[in-house]
PDB file of N, CA and C in Angstrom:
ATOM      1  N   UNK A   1      -0.638 -18.929  -4.507  1.00  0.00           N
ATOM      2  CA  UNK A   1       0.011 -17.346  -4.346  1.00  0.00           C
ATOM      3  C   UNK A   1      -1.388 -16.420  -3.806  1.00  0.00           C
ATOM      4  N   UNK A   2      -2.444 -16.919  -3.938  1.00  0.00           N
ATOM      5  CA  UNK A   2      -3.839 -16.284  -3.679  1.00  0.00           C
ATOM      6  C   UNK A   2      -3.312 -16.169  -2.060  1.00  0.00           C
ATOM      7  N   UNK A   3      -3.419 -17.300  -1.447  1.00  0.00           N
ATOM      8  CA  UNK A   3      -3.304 -17.376   0.105  1.00  0.00           C
ATOM      9  C   UNK A   3      -2.247 -16.697   0.636  1.00  0.00           C
ATOM     10  N   UNK A   4      -1.395 -16.363   0.028  1.00  0.00           N
ATOM     11  CA  UNK A   4      -0.181 -15.403  -0.131  1.00  0.00           C
ATOM     12  C   UNK A   4      -0.533 -14.059   0.177  1.00  0.00           C
ATOM     13  N   UNK A   5      -1.184 -13.474  -1.041  1.00  0.00           N
ATOM     14  CA  UNK A   5      -1.870 -12.360  -0.919  1.00  0.00           C
ATOM     15  C   UNK A   5      -2.501 -12.125   0.187  1.00  0.00           C
ATOM     16  N   UNK A   6      -3.540 -12.886   0.705  1.00  0.00           N
ATOM     17  CA  UNK A   6      -4.254 -12.895   2.020  1.00  0.00           C
ATOM     18  C   UNK A   6      -4.131 -12.726   2.906  1.00  0.00           C
ATOM     19  N   UNK A   7      -2.610 -13.342   3.197  1.00  0.00           N
ATOM     20  CA  UNK A   7      -1.772 -13.173   4.691  1.00  0.00           C
ATOM     21  C   UNK A   7      -1.266 -11.861   4.388  1.00  0.00           C
ATOM     22  N   UNK A   8      -0.972 -11.679   3.394  1.00  0.00           N
ATOM     23  CA  UNK A   8      -0.176 -10.287   3.498  1.00  0.00           C
ATOM     24  C   UNK A   8      -1.349  -9.193   3.608  1.00  0.00           C
ATOM     25  N   UNK A   9      -1.986  -9.375   3.069  1.00  0.00           N
ATOM     26  CA  UNK A   9      -3.450  -8.170   3.365  1.00  0.00           C
ATOM     27  C   UNK A   9      -3.793  -8.003   4.666  1.00  0.00           C
ATOM     28  N   UNK A  10      -4.103  -9.206   5.821  1.00  0.00           N
ATOM     29  CA  UNK A  10      -4.134  -9.612   6.599  1.00  0.00           C
ATOM     30  C   UNK A  10      -3.473  -8.733   7.836  1.00  0.00           C
ATOM     31  N   UNK A  11      -1.861  -9.109   7.324  1.00  0.00           N
ATOM     32  CA  UNK A  11      -0.827  -8.744   8.012  1.00  0.00           C
ATOM     33  C   UNK A  11      -0.877  -7.121   8.031  1.00  0.00           C
ATOM     34  N   UNK A  12      -1.083  -6.219   6.436  1.00  0.00           N
ATOM     35  CA  UNK A  12      -1.141  -5.100   6.619  1.00  0.00           C
ATOM     36  C   UNK A  12      -2.327  -4.225   7.207  1.00  0.00           C
ATOM     37  N   UNK A  13      -3.621  -4.871   7.597  1.00  0.00           N
ATOM     38  CA  UNK A  13      -4.769  -4.602   7.738  1.00  0.00           C
ATOM     39  C   UNK A  13      -4.266  -4.435   9.484  1.00  0.00           C
ATOM     40  N   UNK A  14      -3.639  -5.553   9.912  1.00  0.00           N
ATOM     41  CA  UNK A  14      -3.207  -5.583  11.582  1.00  0.00           C
ATOM     42  C   UNK A  14      -2.429  -4.670  11.696  1.00  0.00           C
ATOM     43  N   UNK A  15      -1.641  -4.201  11.089  1.00  0.00           N
ATOM     44  CA  UNK A  15      -0.301  -3.490  10.962  1.00  0.00           C
ATOM     45  C   UNK A  15      -1.178  -1.518  11.240  1.00  0.00           C
ATOM     46  N   UNK A  16      -1.656  -1.576  10.124  1.00  0.00           N
ATOM     47  CA  UNK A  16      -2.775  -0.128  10.211  1.00  0.00           C
ATOM     48  C   UNK A  16      -3.586  -0.118  11.494  1.00  0.00           C
ATOM     49  N   UNK A  17      -4.131  -1.294  12.097  1.00  0.00           N
ATOM     50  CA  UNK A  17      -4.983  -1.421  12.929  1.00  0.00           C
ATOM     51  C   UNK A  17      -4.060  -0.739  14.084  1.00  0.00           C
ATOM     52  N   UNK A  18      -2.807  -1.382  14.770  1.00  0.00           N
ATOM     53  CA  UNK A  18      -2.148  -1.016  15.320  1.00  0.00           C
ATOM     54  C   UNK A  18      -1.943   0.281  15.223  1.00  0.00           C
ATOM     55  N   UNK A  19      -1.173   1.359  14.378  1.00  0.00           N
ATOM     56  CA  UNK A  19      -0.931   2.409  14.017  1.00  0.00           C
ATOM     57  C   UNK A  19      -2.321   3.427  14.183  1.00  0.00           C
ATOM     58  N   UNK A  20      -3.288   3.170  14.137  1.00  0.00           N
ATOM     59  CA  UNK A  20      -4.644   3.781  14.377  1.00  0.00           C
ATOM     60  C   UNK A  20      -4.768   3.801  16.149  1.00  0.00           C
ATOM     61  N   UNK A  21      -4.345   2.691  16.729  1.00  0.00           N
ATOM     62  CA  UNK A  21      -4.360   2.531  18.258  1.00  0.00           C
ATOM     63  C   UNK A  21      -3.408   3.593  18.814  1.00  0.00           C
ATOM     64  N   UNK A  22      -2.262   3.509  17.927  1.00  0.00           N
ATOM     65  CA  UNK A  22      -1.467   4.823  18.461  1.00  0.00           C
ATOM     66  C   UNK A  22      -1.637   6.088  18.447  1.00  0.00           C
ATOM     67  N   UNK A  23      -2.485   6.655  17.360  1.00  0.00           N
ATOM     68  CA  UNK A  23      -3.209   7.787  17.098  1.00  0.00           C
ATOM     69  C   UNK A  23      -4.180   7.536  18.140  1.00  0.00           C
ATOM     70  N   UNK A  24      -5.059   7.154  18.284  1.00  0.00           N
ATOM     71  CA  UNK A  24      -6.188   7.124  19.007  1.00  0.00           C
ATOM     72  C   UNK A  24      -5.732   7.482  20.501  1.00  0.00           C
ATOM     73  N   UNK A  25      -4.825   7.235  20.979  1.00  0.00           N
ATOM     74  CA  UNK A  25      -4.294   6.808  22.380  1.00  0.00           C
ATOM     75  C   UNK A  25      -3.397   8.404  22.277  1.00  0.00           C
ATOM     76  N   UNK A  26      -3.251   8.725  21.498  1.00  0.00           N
ATOM     77  CA  UNK A  26      -2.436  10.008  21.595  1.00  0.00           C
ATOM     78  C   UNK A  26      -1.051  10.067  21.437  1.00  0.00           C
ATOM     79  N   UNK A  27      -0.630   8.775  21.408  1.00  0.00           N
ATOM     80  CA  UNK A  27       0.884   8.700  20.988  1.00  0.00           C
ATOM     81  C   UNK A  27       1.475   9.080  19.455  1.00  0.00           C
ATOM     82  N   UNK A  28       2.504   9.498  19.394  1.00  0.00           N
ATOM     83  CA  UNK A  28       2.968   9.930  18.234  1.00  0.00           C
ATOM     84  C   UNK A  28       3.652   8.777  17.113  1.00  0.00           C
ATOM     85  N   UNK A  29       3.163   8.615  16.101  1.00  0.00           N
ATOM     86  CA  UNK A  29       3.794   7.243  15.496  1.00  0.00           C
ATOM     87  C   UNK A  29       5.216   7.079  14.801  1.00  0.00           C
ATOM     88  N   UNK A  30       5.747   6.557  15.281  1.00  0.00           N
ATOM     89  CA  UNK A  30       7.420   6.310  15.104  1.00  0.00           C
ATOM     90  C   UNK A  30       7.805   6.730  13.419  1.00  0.00           C
ATOM     91  N   UNK A  31       8.608   7.026  13.436  1.00  0.00           N
ATOM     92  CA  UNK A  31       8.958   7.408  11.845  1.00  0.00           C
ATOM     93  C   UNK A  31       9.122   5.707  11.393  1.00  0.00           C
ATOM     94  N   UNK A  32       9.838   4.952  11.701  1.00  0.00           N
ATOM     95  CA  UNK A  32       9.961   3.702  11.192  1.00  0.00           C
ATOM     96  C   UNK A  32       8.855   2.823  10.905  1.00  0.00           C
ATOM     97  N   UNK A  33       7.537   2.996  11.926  1.00  0.00           N
ATOM     98  CA  UNK A  33       6.302   2.898  11.223  1.00  0.00           C
ATOM     99  C   UNK A  33       6.118   3.070   9.952  1.00  0.00           C
ATOM    100  N   UNK A  34       6.357   3.917   9.264  1.00  0.00           N
ATOM    101  CA  UNK A  34       6.087   4.440   7.880  1.00  0.00           C
ATOM    102  C   UNK A  34       6.602   3.620   7.002  1.00  0.00           C
ATOM    103  N   UNK A  35       7.960   3.340   7.459  1.00  0.00           N
ATOM    104  CA  UNK A  35       8.914   2.275   6.400  1.00  0.00           C
ATOM    105  C   UNK A  35       8.322   0.969   6.614  1.00  0.00           C
ATOM    106  N   UNK A  36       7.936   0.622   7.543  1.00  0.00           N
ATOM    107  CA  UNK A  36       7.196  -0.776   7.530  1.00  0.00           C
ATOM    108  C   UNK A  36       5.996  -0.991   6.945  1.00  0.00           C
ATOM    109  N   UNK A  37       5.433   0.033   6.977  1.00  0.00           N
ATOM    110  CA  UNK A  37       4.060   0.278   6.409  1.00  0.00           C
ATOM    111  C   UNK A  37       4.084   0.309   4.826  1.00  0.00           C
ATOM    112  N   UNK A  38       5.437   1.256   4.045  1.00  0.00           N
ATOM    113  CA  UNK A  38       5.546   1.364   2.939  1.00  0.00           C
ATOM    114  C   UNK A  38       6.140  -0.114   2.483  1.00  0.00           C
ATOM    115  N   UNK A  39       6.746  -0.875   3.092  1.00  0.00           N
ATOM    116  CA  UNK A  39       7.518  -2.044   3.022  1.00  0.00           C
ATOM    117  C   UNK A  39       6.298  -3.324   2.490  1.00  0.00           C
ATOM    118  N   UNK A  40       5.348  -3.283   3.764  1.00  0.00           N
ATOM    119  CA  UNK A  40       4.160  -3.932   3.534  1.00  0.00           C
ATOM    120  C   UNK A  40       3.321  -3.857   2.253  1.00  0.00           C
ATOM    121  N   UNK A  41       3.139  -2.525   1.941  1.00  0.00           N
ATOM    122  CA  UNK A  41       2.488  -2.135   0.516  1.00  0.00           C
ATOM    123  C   UNK A  41       3.180  -2.633  -0.568  1.00  0.00           C
ATOM    124  N   UNK A  42       4.586  -2.397  -0.652  1.00  0.00           N
ATOM    125  CA  UNK A  42       5.501  -2.437  -1.498  1.00  0.00           C
ATOM    126  C   UNK A  42       5.350  -4.372  -1.879  1.00  0.00           C
ATOM    127  N   UNK A  43       5.076  -5.019  -0.795  1.00  0.00           N
ATOM    128  CA  UNK A  43       5.507  -6.241  -0.582  1.00  0.00           C
ATOM    129  C   UNK A  43       3.886  -6.845  -1.465  1.00  0.00           C
ATOM    130  N   UNK A  44       2.910  -6.225  -1.191  1.00  0.00           N
ATOM    131  CA  UNK A  44       1.689  -6.874  -1.649  1.00  0.00           C
ATOM    132  C   UNK A  44       1.281  -6.284  -3.004  1.00  0.00           C
ATOM    133  N   UNK A  45       1.682  -5.233  -3.569  1.00  0.00           N
ATOM    134  CA  UNK A  45       1.805  -4.865  -4.893  1.00  0.00           C
ATOM    135  C   UNK A  45       2.489  -5.706  -5.491  1.00  0.00           C
ATOM    136  N   UNK A  46       3.851  -5.767  -5.492  1.00  0.00           N
ATOM    137  CA  UNK A  46       4.530  -6.765  -6.202  1.00  0.00           C
ATOM    138  C   UNK A  46       3.980  -8.298  -6.145  1.00  0.00           C
ATOM    139  N   UNK A  47       3.280  -8.823  -5.014  1.00  0.00           N
ATOM    140  CA  UNK A  47       2.812  -9.740  -5.298  1.00  0.00           C
ATOM    141  C   UNK A  47       1.645 -10.181  -6.024  1.00  0.00           C
ATOM    142  N   UNK A  48       0.888  -8.806  -6.200  1.00  0.00           N
ATOM    143  CA  UNK A  48      -0.365  -8.866  -7.057  1.00  0.00           C
ATOM    144  C   UNK A  48       0.164  -8.803  -8.126  1.00  0.00           C
ATOM    145  N   UNK A  49       0.944  -7.993  -8.744  1.00  0.00           N
ATOM    146  CA  UNK A  49       1.642  -7.633 -10.159  1.00  0.00           C
ATOM    147  C   UNK A  49       2.065  -9.482 -10.496  1.00  0.00           C
ATOM    148  N   UNK A  50       2.926 -10.249  -9.594  1.00  0.00           N
ATOM    149  CA  UNK A  50       3.446 -10.916 -10.011  1.00  0.00           C
ATOM    150  C   UNK A  50       2.297 -12.136 -10.385  1.00  0.00           C
ATOM    151  N   UNK A  51       1.230 -11.954  -9.589  1.00  0.00           N
ATOM    152  CA  UNK A  51       0.421 -13.086  -9.705  1.00  0.00           C
ATOM    153  C   UNK A  51      -0.440 -12.561 -10.963  1.00  0.00           C
ATOM    154  N   UNK A  52      -0.795 -11.183 -11.213  1.00  0.00           N
ATOM    155  CA  UNK A  52      -1.323 -11.062 -12.621  1.00  0.00           C
ATOM    156  C   UNK A  52      -0.488 -11.150 -13.535  1.00  0.00           C
ATOM    157  N   UNK A  53       0.641 -11.400 -13.758  1.00  0.00           N
ATOM    158  CA  UNK A  53       1.025 -11.470 -14.585  1.00  0.00           C
ATOM    159  C   UNK A  53       1.552 -12.995 -15.323  1.00  0.00           C
ATOM    160  N   UNK A  54       1.577 -13.748 -13.897  1.00  0.00           N
ATOM    161  CA  UNK A  54       1.469 -15.222 -13.912  1.00  0.00           C
ATOM    162  C   UNK A  54       0.079 -16.003 -14.625  1.00  0.00           C
ATOM    163  N   UNK A  55      -0.751 -15.501 -14.642  1.00  0.00           N
ATOM    164  CA  UNK A  55      -1.844 -15.748 -15.318  1.00  0.00           C
ATOM    165  C   UNK A  55      -1.921 -15.499 -16.625  1.00  0.00           C
TER     166      UNK A  55
END
């Protein structure tokens, strides 16, 4: 489970880096990108809660 959390965290950081590159180049972030970011955040939050409860 711990490795799963690490993988999700790395995906979240990579996704955030892509969004930052969009902003720096002057492009507008698509509205669907916010939904993807919320989904990744929800996934990592659910995984952390499940991991904490199982311990």
